[in-house]
Protein backbone atom coordinates (compact mmCIF):
# COMPACT_ATOMS: atom_id res chain seq x y z
CA MET A 1 -21.38 216.09 187.13
CA ALA A 2 -21.13 212.83 189.07
CA LYS A 3 -18.46 213.92 191.53
CA SER A 4 -20.77 217.00 192.35
CA LEU A 5 -23.34 214.51 193.25
CA LEU A 6 -20.96 212.23 195.29
CA TYR A 7 -20.22 215.42 197.26
CA SER A 8 -23.64 216.49 197.85
CA VAL A 9 -24.73 213.08 199.15
CA ILE A 10 -21.70 213.27 201.88
CA ASP A 11 -23.15 217.07 202.44
CA ASN A 12 -26.56 216.03 202.60
CA ASN A 13 -25.56 213.31 204.97
CA GLU A 14 -23.26 215.70 206.90
CA GLN A 15 -25.40 215.81 210.23
CA ALA A 16 -26.15 212.11 210.32
CA LEU A 17 -22.57 211.26 209.91
CA ASN A 18 -21.41 213.74 212.63
CA GLU A 19 -24.09 212.29 215.06
CA MET A 20 -22.74 208.95 214.32
CA SER A 21 -18.89 209.90 214.82
CA ASP A 22 -19.97 211.66 218.14
CA ALA A 23 -21.87 208.64 219.46
CA ILE A 24 -18.80 206.26 218.84
CA TRP A 25 -16.51 208.77 220.62
CA GLU A 26 -18.85 208.69 223.46
CA TYR A 27 -18.91 205.07 223.47
CA ALA A 28 -15.09 204.68 223.41
CA GLU A 29 -15.28 200.86 223.14
CA ILE A 30 -12.01 198.93 223.37
CA ALA A 31 -10.70 196.07 220.79
CA MET A 32 -13.06 193.48 220.34
CA GLU A 33 -15.45 195.04 222.53
CA GLU A 34 -17.09 197.75 219.97
CA GLU A 35 -20.59 196.05 220.00
CA LYS A 36 -22.46 199.61 219.92
CA SER A 37 -20.33 201.00 217.42
CA SER A 38 -20.52 198.33 214.85
CA LYS A 39 -24.17 197.82 215.61
CA LEU A 40 -24.46 201.59 214.70
CA GLN A 41 -22.70 201.59 211.54
CA ARG A 42 -24.28 198.10 210.48
CA GLU A 43 -27.82 199.73 210.92
CA PHE A 44 -27.15 202.97 209.07
CA LEU A 45 -25.85 201.09 206.16
CA ALA A 46 -28.57 198.34 206.14
CA ALA A 47 -31.04 201.04 206.22
CA ARG A 48 -29.71 202.55 202.92
CA GLY A 49 -29.90 199.43 201.22
CA PHE A 50 -26.24 197.88 201.98
CA THR A 51 -26.07 193.94 202.11
CA ILE A 52 -24.53 193.16 205.41
CA LYS A 53 -22.32 190.11 206.09
CA ALA A 54 -20.91 188.95 209.18
CA VAL A 55 -17.35 187.90 209.66
CA PRO A 56 -16.98 184.29 211.18
CA ASN A 57 -15.38 184.20 214.67
CA MET A 58 -15.77 188.19 214.87
CA PRO A 59 -19.05 189.44 216.51
CA THR A 60 -18.06 193.08 215.88
CA ALA A 61 -16.54 192.96 212.32
CA PHE A 62 -18.83 193.09 209.34
CA VAL A 63 -18.85 193.89 205.38
CA ALA A 64 -21.50 196.14 203.88
CA GLU A 65 -21.63 195.60 200.10
CA THR A 66 -23.33 197.21 197.19
CA GLY A 67 -23.23 196.81 193.27
CA SER A 68 -22.20 193.72 191.42
CA GLY A 69 -19.28 192.53 189.20
CA LYS A 70 -15.83 194.10 188.76
CA PRO A 71 -13.87 195.95 189.97
CA ILE A 72 -14.27 195.25 193.67
CA ILE A 73 -13.38 198.16 195.91
CA GLY A 74 -12.89 197.83 199.61
CA ILE A 75 -13.11 201.04 202.03
CA LEU A 76 -11.53 200.09 205.34
CA GLY A 77 -13.05 201.34 208.60
CA GLU A 78 -12.44 201.25 212.26
CA TYR A 79 -14.03 202.28 215.46
CA ASP A 80 -12.06 200.97 218.59
CA ALA A 81 -10.84 203.01 221.35
CA LEU A 82 -7.79 203.12 223.61
CA GLY A 83 -7.73 202.55 227.32
CA GLY A 84 -6.73 205.30 229.73
CA LEU A 85 -7.71 208.06 227.30
CA SER A 86 -10.86 209.39 228.72
CA GLN A 87 -10.85 213.20 227.93
CA LYS A 88 -13.22 216.00 227.53
CA VAL A 89 -13.32 218.35 224.32
CA SER A 90 -10.94 220.52 226.25
CA SER A 91 -7.46 221.77 226.04
CA VAL A 92 -7.07 221.02 229.59
CA ARG A 93 -6.47 217.34 230.67
CA GLU A 94 -9.85 216.59 232.07
CA PRO A 95 -11.41 213.05 232.05
CA LEU A 96 -14.97 212.45 231.34
CA LYS A 97 -15.20 210.17 234.00
CA ASP A 98 -12.10 208.44 235.30
CA LEU A 99 -8.47 208.71 233.81
CA SER A 100 -8.39 204.91 233.32
CA ASP A 101 -11.47 204.86 231.06
CA ALA A 102 -10.93 204.46 227.46
CA GLY A 103 -10.90 207.32 224.77
CA HIS A 104 -10.72 207.93 220.99
CA GLY A 105 -6.91 209.19 221.26
CA CYS A 106 -6.44 208.02 217.57
CA GLY A 107 -9.44 209.12 216.17
CA HIS A 108 -11.04 205.95 215.14
CA ASN A 109 -14.89 207.65 215.84
CA LEU A 110 -13.85 209.45 212.49
CA LEU A 111 -12.11 206.97 210.65
CA GLY A 112 -14.83 204.33 210.35
CA VAL A 113 -17.82 207.02 209.61
CA GLY A 114 -15.73 208.63 206.93
CA GLY A 115 -15.57 205.44 205.04
CA VAL A 116 -19.25 205.08 205.58
CA GLY A 117 -19.89 208.59 204.25
CA ALA A 118 -17.94 207.63 201.09
CA ALA A 119 -19.70 204.43 201.01
CA ILE A 120 -23.23 205.76 200.70
CA ALA A 121 -22.29 208.71 198.18
CA LEU A 122 -20.67 205.84 196.04
CA LYS A 123 -24.02 203.83 196.40
CA GLU A 124 -26.12 206.54 194.97
CA VAL A 125 -23.97 207.82 192.13
CA MET A 126 -23.49 204.02 191.14
CA GLU A 127 -27.21 203.54 191.04
CA GLN A 128 -28.18 206.58 189.20
CA ASP A 129 -25.40 206.35 186.72
CA GLY A 130 -25.76 202.43 185.99
CA ILE A 131 -22.10 202.13 187.02
CA SER A 132 -20.89 198.69 187.44
CA GLY A 133 -18.72 197.38 189.89
CA THR A 134 -18.97 196.43 193.66
CA VAL A 135 -18.01 198.67 196.82
CA ARG A 136 -17.57 197.17 200.09
CA TYR A 137 -17.15 198.99 203.44
CA TYR A 138 -15.09 196.72 205.83
CA GLY A 139 -16.19 197.41 209.34
CA CYS A 140 -12.86 196.36 211.20
CA PRO A 141 -12.58 196.09 215.03
CA ALA A 142 -9.46 195.93 217.09
CA GLU A 143 -6.91 198.18 215.11
CA GLU A 144 -5.39 199.30 218.32
CA THR A 145 -4.15 195.62 219.30
CA LEU A 146 -3.07 195.24 215.56
CA SER A 147 -5.11 192.28 215.10
CA GLY A 148 -8.70 193.21 213.68
CA LYS A 149 -7.81 193.04 209.96
CA VAL A 150 -5.22 190.19 210.56
CA MET A 151 -8.24 188.11 211.63
CA MET A 152 -10.43 189.17 208.86
CA ALA A 153 -7.67 188.55 206.43
CA LYS A 154 -7.53 184.84 207.91
CA GLU A 155 -11.36 184.72 207.09
CA LYS A 156 -10.47 185.68 203.65
CA VAL A 157 -12.64 188.44 203.44
CA PHE A 158 -10.03 190.40 201.47
CA ASP A 159 -8.87 187.85 199.07
CA ASP A 160 -11.14 189.06 195.86
CA LEU A 161 -10.51 192.77 196.24
CA ASP A 162 -9.15 194.78 193.29
CA ALA A 163 -8.20 197.82 195.47
CA ALA A 164 -8.67 199.13 199.06
CA ILE A 165 -8.42 202.56 200.17
CA SER A 166 -8.66 204.17 203.80
CA TRP A 167 -7.85 207.04 205.68
CA HIS A 168 -6.44 208.08 209.06
CA PRO A 169 -6.72 211.00 211.44
CA ALA A 170 -3.37 213.06 211.70
CA GLN A 171 -1.78 216.31 211.71
CA MET A 172 -1.64 216.80 207.96
CA ASN A 173 -3.50 216.45 204.63
CA THR A 174 -1.62 213.98 202.49
CA VAL A 175 -1.07 210.31 201.25
CA TRP A 176 1.02 208.02 202.89
CA GLY A 177 3.68 206.48 200.57
CA CYS A 178 5.63 205.10 203.21
CA SER A 179 5.82 201.52 204.72
CA PHE A 180 5.22 200.87 208.57
CA LEU A 181 6.71 198.23 210.88
CA ALA A 182 5.59 194.61 210.86
CA MET A 183 5.06 193.34 214.33
CA ASN A 184 4.43 190.31 216.63
CA SER A 185 2.69 190.66 220.11
CA ILE A 186 3.43 187.60 221.91
CA LYS A 187 3.31 186.36 225.73
CA PHE A 188 5.51 183.67 227.32
CA ARG A 189 4.07 182.08 230.35
CA PHE A 190 6.18 179.95 232.50
CA LYS A 191 4.80 177.40 235.21
CA GLY A 192 7.08 176.42 238.33
CA ILE A 193 6.79 174.78 241.56
CA PRO A 194 5.62 177.01 244.44
CA ALA A 195 7.55 176.82 247.68
CA HIS A 196 8.47 178.78 250.80
CA ALA A 197 11.36 181.09 249.65
CA ALA A 198 13.11 180.99 253.08
CA ALA A 199 12.32 177.46 254.58
CA ALA A 200 12.40 175.40 251.68
CA PRO A 201 13.55 177.25 248.25
CA HIS A 202 15.24 173.94 247.10
CA THR A 203 11.94 172.28 246.71
CA GLY A 204 10.55 175.12 244.29
CA ARG A 205 11.02 175.95 240.80
CA SER A 206 10.63 179.67 240.17
CA ALA A 207 8.66 180.72 237.09
CA LEU A 208 9.96 184.18 237.83
CA ASP A 209 13.56 182.95 237.51
CA ALA A 210 12.49 181.86 234.08
CA VAL A 211 10.97 185.15 232.98
CA GLU A 212 14.06 186.87 234.03
CA LEU A 213 16.45 184.69 232.46
CA MET A 214 14.47 185.00 229.26
CA ASN A 215 14.75 188.82 229.36
CA VAL A 216 18.58 188.39 229.89
CA GLY A 217 18.83 186.19 226.76
CA ALA A 218 16.42 188.87 224.99
CA ASN A 219 18.79 191.77 225.98
CA TYR A 220 21.51 189.86 224.69
CA LEU A 221 19.67 189.18 221.21
CA ARG A 222 19.19 192.79 220.48
CA GLU A 223 23.01 192.98 219.51
CA HIS A 224 22.39 190.43 216.75
CA VAL A 225 19.34 191.58 214.87
CA ILE A 226 19.20 194.24 212.29
CA GLU A 227 19.68 197.95 213.24
CA LYS A 228 15.92 198.89 212.82
CA ALA A 229 14.41 195.97 214.68
CA ARG A 230 12.71 196.72 218.01
CA ILE A 231 12.25 194.27 221.05
CA HIS A 232 10.18 195.65 223.65
CA TYR A 233 8.70 193.62 226.86
CA VAL A 234 6.83 194.08 230.18
CA ILE A 235 6.47 191.79 232.72
CA THR A 236 3.02 191.13 233.21
CA ASN A 237 3.02 188.67 236.45
CA GLY A 238 6.17 188.25 238.44
CA GLY A 239 4.46 186.40 241.46
CA SER A 240 2.40 187.09 244.26
CA ALA A 241 4.94 187.85 247.25
CA PRO A 242 8.79 187.83 247.75
CA ASN A 243 8.52 185.00 250.33
CA THR A 244 7.05 182.44 247.89
CA VAL A 245 8.81 180.91 245.21
CA PRO A 246 6.53 182.18 242.12
CA ALA A 247 4.86 179.02 240.45
CA ASP A 248 3.51 181.26 237.99
CA ALA A 249 5.15 184.31 235.84
CA GLU A 250 4.34 185.97 232.31
CA VAL A 251 6.23 188.37 230.17
CA TRP A 252 4.71 190.13 227.01
CA TYR A 253 6.95 190.91 223.99
CA PHE A 254 6.48 193.10 220.97
CA VAL A 255 8.91 192.26 218.23
CA ARG A 256 9.16 194.89 215.28
CA ALA A 257 11.06 195.20 212.06
CA PRO A 258 10.68 196.72 208.47
CA LYS A 259 9.86 193.43 207.05
CA ARG A 260 7.68 190.61 207.93
CA LYS A 261 10.40 188.00 207.32
CA PHE A 262 12.75 189.93 209.96
CA VAL A 263 9.92 189.91 212.65
CA LYS A 264 9.49 186.00 212.09
CA GLU A 265 13.20 185.33 212.21
CA ILE A 266 13.69 187.43 215.51
CA THR A 267 10.57 185.91 217.01
CA ASP A 268 11.97 182.34 216.20
CA ARG A 269 15.16 183.23 218.14
CA LEU A 270 13.17 184.73 220.92
CA ILE A 271 11.26 181.40 221.40
CA LYS A 272 14.59 179.53 221.53
CA ILE A 273 15.60 181.78 224.37
CA ALA A 274 12.33 181.15 226.17
CA LYS A 275 13.09 177.35 225.73
CA GLY A 276 16.68 178.20 227.16
CA ALA A 277 15.07 179.82 230.18
CA GLU A 278 12.72 176.91 230.70
CA LEU A 279 15.56 174.51 230.72
CA MET A 280 17.61 176.48 233.09
CA SER A 281 14.76 177.14 235.49
CA GLU A 282 12.75 173.85 235.07
CA ALA A 283 9.66 175.91 234.73
CA ALA A 284 7.32 174.88 231.87
CA MET A 285 7.07 177.38 229.04
CA SER A 286 4.50 178.14 226.84
CA TYR A 287 3.75 181.20 224.35
CA GLU A 288 0.54 182.72 222.71
CA LEU A 289 0.43 184.98 219.66
CA LEU A 290 -1.76 187.68 220.66
CA SER A 291 -1.26 189.49 217.27
CA GLY A 292 1.02 190.12 214.46
CA CYS A 293 0.86 192.07 211.55
CA TYR A 294 2.83 192.96 208.02
CA ASP A 295 4.64 196.02 206.81
CA VAL A 296 2.90 198.01 204.32
CA ILE A 297 3.13 197.89 200.61
CA PRO A 298 2.44 201.38 199.45
CA ASN A 299 0.72 201.79 195.85
CA ASP A 300 1.94 204.62 193.82
CA VAL A 301 -0.80 204.23 191.26
CA LEU A 302 -3.60 204.75 193.99
CA ARG A 303 -1.60 207.25 195.81
CA GLU A 304 -1.71 209.80 192.79
CA VAL A 305 -5.31 209.07 192.37
CA LEU A 306 -5.85 209.97 195.91
CA TYR A 307 -3.99 213.10 195.59
CA ALA A 308 -5.73 214.37 192.53
CA ASN A 309 -9.01 213.83 194.50
CA MET A 310 -7.85 215.52 197.47
CA ASP A 311 -6.66 218.45 195.22
CA GLU A 312 -10.02 218.28 193.76
CA VAL A 313 -12.06 218.55 197.16
CA GLY A 314 -9.74 221.00 198.61
CA PRO A 315 -8.74 221.05 202.02
CA PRO A 316 -11.05 220.65 205.19
CA LYS A 317 -13.08 223.54 205.58
CA PHE A 318 -12.23 224.43 209.04
CA GLU A 319 -13.80 227.54 210.62
CA GLU A 320 -12.07 230.23 213.34
CA GLU A 321 -13.56 227.94 216.34
CA ASP A 322 -11.20 225.20 214.80
CA PHE A 323 -8.12 227.22 214.40
CA ALA A 324 -8.74 228.87 217.94
CA PHE A 325 -9.11 225.59 219.68
CA ALA A 326 -5.68 224.13 218.06
CA ARG A 327 -3.97 227.26 219.06
CA GLU A 328 -4.68 226.39 222.59
CA PHE A 329 -2.95 223.18 222.27
CA THR A 330 0.05 224.43 220.24
CA ALA A 331 0.65 227.24 222.73
CA GLN A 332 1.18 224.48 225.65
CA ILE A 333 3.81 222.59 223.37
CA PRO A 334 7.16 223.91 222.88
CA ARG A 335 8.26 224.26 218.94
CA GLU A 336 11.05 221.74 219.41
CA ASP A 337 8.74 219.35 220.71
CA ARG A 338 6.15 219.70 218.18
CA ALA A 339 9.21 219.15 215.62
CA LYS A 340 9.82 215.96 217.00
CA VAL A 341 6.49 214.77 216.71
CA MET A 342 6.43 215.81 213.07
CA GLU A 343 9.64 214.20 211.89
CA VAL A 344 8.11 210.97 212.55
CA TYR A 345 5.64 211.70 209.76
CA PHE A 346 8.34 213.26 207.40
CA ALA A 347 6.55 216.53 207.45
CA PRO A 348 8.49 219.62 205.77
CA GLU A 349 9.47 222.10 208.38
CA TYR A 350 7.33 224.82 207.16
CA ILE A 351 4.32 222.98 208.45
CA LEU A 352 5.28 223.90 212.06
CA ASP A 353 4.39 227.42 211.37
CA MET A 354 0.67 226.24 211.25
CA ASP A 355 -1.52 225.60 214.36
CA LEU A 356 -3.88 223.65 211.98
CA CYS A 357 -2.84 222.27 208.58
CA ASN A 358 -5.29 223.97 205.82
CA GLU A 359 -3.57 222.77 202.66
CA ILE A 360 -2.91 219.45 200.82
CA THR A 361 0.40 218.48 201.61
CA ARG A 362 2.80 216.26 199.38
CA VAL A 363 5.46 214.63 201.85
CA ASP A 364 8.96 213.16 201.00
CA ASP A 365 8.35 209.52 202.74
CA GLN A 366 8.59 207.28 199.76
CA GLY A 367 10.93 204.26 200.42
CA LYS A 368 10.89 205.34 204.20
CA VAL A 369 9.41 203.49 207.20
CA MET A 370 7.37 205.05 209.81
CA ALA A 371 7.93 204.19 213.22
CA GLY A 372 4.70 202.14 214.07
CA SER A 373 2.57 199.46 213.05
CA VAL A 374 -0.75 199.12 211.49
CA ASP A 375 -2.92 196.03 210.83
CA ALA A 376 -3.70 197.36 207.12
CA GLY A 377 -0.42 196.10 206.05
CA ASP A 378 -1.98 192.44 206.04
CA VAL A 379 -4.20 194.15 203.56
CA SER A 380 -1.88 195.52 201.48
CA TYR A 381 -0.10 192.21 200.86
CA LEU A 382 -3.53 190.99 199.47
CA ALA A 383 -4.61 193.98 197.22
CA PRO A 384 -3.39 197.34 196.12
CA PHE A 385 -3.86 199.50 199.01
CA ALA A 386 -3.38 203.37 199.72
CA GLN A 387 -4.35 205.74 202.59
CA ILE A 388 -4.75 209.37 203.13
CA THR A 389 -4.48 211.22 206.21
CA ALA A 390 -6.53 214.36 207.05
CA ALA A 391 -5.58 216.98 209.70
CA THR A 392 -7.87 216.21 212.62
CA TRP A 393 -5.43 217.45 215.25
CA PRO A 394 -2.98 220.41 215.67
CA VAL A 395 0.20 220.35 214.33
CA GLY A 396 2.79 218.76 216.33
CA SER A 397 0.31 216.99 218.78
CA ALA A 398 0.97 213.29 219.06
CA ALA A 399 -1.44 210.50 218.47
CA HIS A 400 -2.77 208.15 221.27
CA THR A 401 -2.89 211.14 223.67
CA TRP A 402 -5.58 212.99 225.45
CA THR A 403 -5.12 215.98 223.02
CA SER A 404 -5.65 213.95 219.92
CA CYS A 405 -8.91 212.53 222.07
CA ALA A 406 -9.91 216.02 222.66
CA CYS A 407 -9.70 217.09 219.01
CA SER A 408 -11.30 213.77 217.60
CA GLY A 409 -14.38 214.83 219.46
CA HIS A 410 -14.13 218.62 218.33
CA SER A 411 -15.60 220.30 215.13
CA MET A 412 -12.09 220.30 213.50
CA GLY A 413 -12.21 216.30 213.49
CA ARG A 414 -15.62 216.06 212.14
CA ARG A 415 -14.66 218.72 209.39
CA ALA A 416 -11.51 216.55 208.51
CA MET A 417 -13.71 213.46 208.47
CA ILE A 418 -16.02 214.93 205.58
CA PHE A 419 -13.08 216.11 203.64
CA ALA A 420 -11.78 212.33 203.66
CA ALA A 421 -14.87 211.20 202.89
CA LYS A 422 -15.27 213.17 199.62
CA SER A 423 -11.61 212.47 198.65
CA MET A 424 -12.13 208.59 199.02
CA ALA A 425 -15.45 208.82 197.14
CA GLY A 426 -13.90 210.39 194.37
CA THR A 427 -11.02 208.16 194.26
CA ILE A 428 -13.17 205.08 194.01
CA TYR A 429 -15.33 206.76 191.52
CA ASP A 430 -12.26 207.17 189.43
CA LEU A 431 -11.24 203.52 189.79
CA LEU A 432 -14.83 202.23 188.70
CA LYS A 433 -14.90 204.75 185.84
CA ASP A 434 -11.33 203.70 184.56
CA PRO A 435 -10.27 199.96 184.52
CA ALA A 436 -6.91 200.95 183.28
CA LYS A 437 -6.21 202.35 186.84
CA VAL A 438 -7.19 199.40 188.48
CA LYS A 439 -5.12 197.24 185.94
CA ALA A 440 -1.97 199.57 186.63
CA ALA A 441 -2.56 199.56 190.34
CA ARG A 442 -2.82 195.76 190.46
CA GLU A 443 0.52 195.41 188.04
CA GLU A 444 2.47 197.55 190.50
CA PHE A 445 1.03 195.49 193.36
CA GLU A 446 2.09 192.15 191.71
CA LYS A 447 5.64 193.55 191.13
CA SER A 448 5.92 194.58 194.68
CA LEU A 449 5.13 191.18 195.56
CA ASN A 450 7.57 189.71 193.37
CA GLY A 451 5.73 186.24 193.83
CA PHE A 452 5.33 186.17 197.69
CA LYS A 453 2.31 184.53 198.87
CA TYR A 454 0.78 185.85 201.97
CA ILE A 455 0.69 183.69 205.02
CA SER A 456 -1.43 184.64 207.79
CA PRO A 457 1.00 185.80 211.21
CA TYR A 458 -1.40 183.27 213.08
CA ASP A 459 -0.31 180.55 210.78
CA GLU A 460 3.27 181.01 211.20
CA THR A 461 3.54 179.47 214.66
CA GLU A 462 1.37 176.68 214.15
């Protein structure tokens, strides 16, 4: 059976895949600096006959392709780490070097490698069985800054996809049917005139005044946006000393909302507030969109194919060492705190009785919005998209923490990765063999778009 061959290819390469994920975990390279992580994956795939294509203006992004013709199915991979999350594989908070160093607190050392595993298995089976179609693995940098796939989308590398599949480390084995928040990350800079704050303040124009006036205006704006919108900011430069009228100041904003159109509307109003602060303070204003992403369009057709393959593969094959390591963490977290974490993921209550999830869980999240953002949302506006999660971390532990970093370097994470690789490989095999499923996914996608044409967030403010 072809799927048995898929699984055996992944099993035969399990050691190599584990070594790759461990190496990327140790590299812990942050957004747009993933030189070693990207090179490791590119060379691994090139050695196995994949055609490697660069992405313009993105040195750490690439596309690895095998096969030819339709359908074209993409696997989205990531490999960037998070600053300040250095951590040993230990249930005690203990950085590898320094607390300020980066670590894989979102499990991206596993995420991309799982996609690589699915891709090499599909290549072997497609060649052996003469299956037509194209499989691409996308090496995507900078997910943590929500910019990698958005920049790749601007370069049109996803435009001809018939479907896209991915996975993400988490606390359950499920398929996300929810959306995520669209987002803009934008910095406002003000340029004033310096002066002595005591002797000649009247000759200065304070850039810090402009920042604070803007923030006051933004705080009044909060009353006049939709209920589920979020506006967060930090002052990244407030001047050098209180006895000098600051000539330079900067404030960094995130704007989030359930739909991209609301993010754009709020951002447009925020820019007007910044212009008002410029008028009041006489400090010149400029702004820069660092990143922006869309909400996610779920695809139920792909979701059901993924679920069927997850059931066929069976949950991750955890061993006692994995459950024991998970218990070391869950023992430290009160049940009510674990419940708060799992509520974010719409988990059923009984999941809290587990230390490590070893079942395939169906979650009631359709029509809901998770309180976070992902740059895969932009891909979901260009092609049918679906994403599974695999139990990489103990139940009730949060992402972007030293706990998730430690577990992403543990055997529990590697076993979840192999499960994800097999589930994605089986799903793409089904899509290649059954054009009707691809057509149905496309029809659902077109209906969801309802005529909307994707515009890059980077083009909205030009």
